[in-house]
Every structure is written in C-alpha cells, then in structure tokens.
Amino acid sequence: VKVFVVTGPFQDVRKGLLRRGWEENPSKDGETFDLKWTLHDSEVAYQSLRKGQIVNHFEGNADVTSKGRLARTVRNMSWELDQDPRGALPDSFDVSDPSEWEAFVAAFRDSAVVTLLLLFDS
C-alpha cells in the first residue's frame, strides 16, 4: 500500500489518492510516506528523504516557481546571457519589494498614458 501526506488546501489531490487506494499518514511532519504534497517548499525535509520518496517540490526552486522571483530571474538574464529579457515574459513585479513597487506604479502610469493617447489618436 502506498502512503501519502498532504498539507494545505489540496482536497482534490487527497481525494484522488484515496480513490486510487493510497493511505493517508495523518502525521504531517512524519517521515513515513511515498508521496508528500505540500503548499510550501519549507515543509519538505530534503536531507531526510529516503530513496523512492516523492515530493511536489524540488530544492531551491523559488527562483522559478514564485512569480516575483521568476520576474527578477528573467530581468537578471540580461547580465547572465547578454540578452534583453523583455521579450521573454510580460512585465512582472514583486510588489513586496519597495523598488519593484515603484517600478510597478511607473509602468502602470505609462500604460495609462499610452491608453489615453491611443484614445485621442483614434
């Protein structure tokens, strides 16, 4: 029998596994599982994983799995790859960062101005 742990708002994952004959380990911090499905990367003890255990995260993934960090990674791409990142993804901002908040407000104002100019140009 396969054993799973689910933390967070994943009732569909839980129901799907139970329907397929898996058993749920009620101990959210326990190390007895074949699959652990969590909301946060911090809920996974990577160093304690045993061979065959599966988790829905991979260590050090925040640079590609959170929108704010992904946006920063893409912007920094120009330093690493000597390419302009603006064509890779739409403008994105981590508004919890004060400098990014200011950039978001400026981009919003710019887009509003362009919209007004286009309205008057028609």
Foldseek 3Di string as FASTA:
>chain_A
DFEEEEDDDPVVVVVVCVVVPYHYDPPQLDQDGQEYEYDDPVSDPVVPHDPNRYYPDDPPCPCPPDQANVLVVLCCVCVVPVDHSCVVDPRDFDCVDVVRVVVVVVVVVVVVVVVVVVVVVD
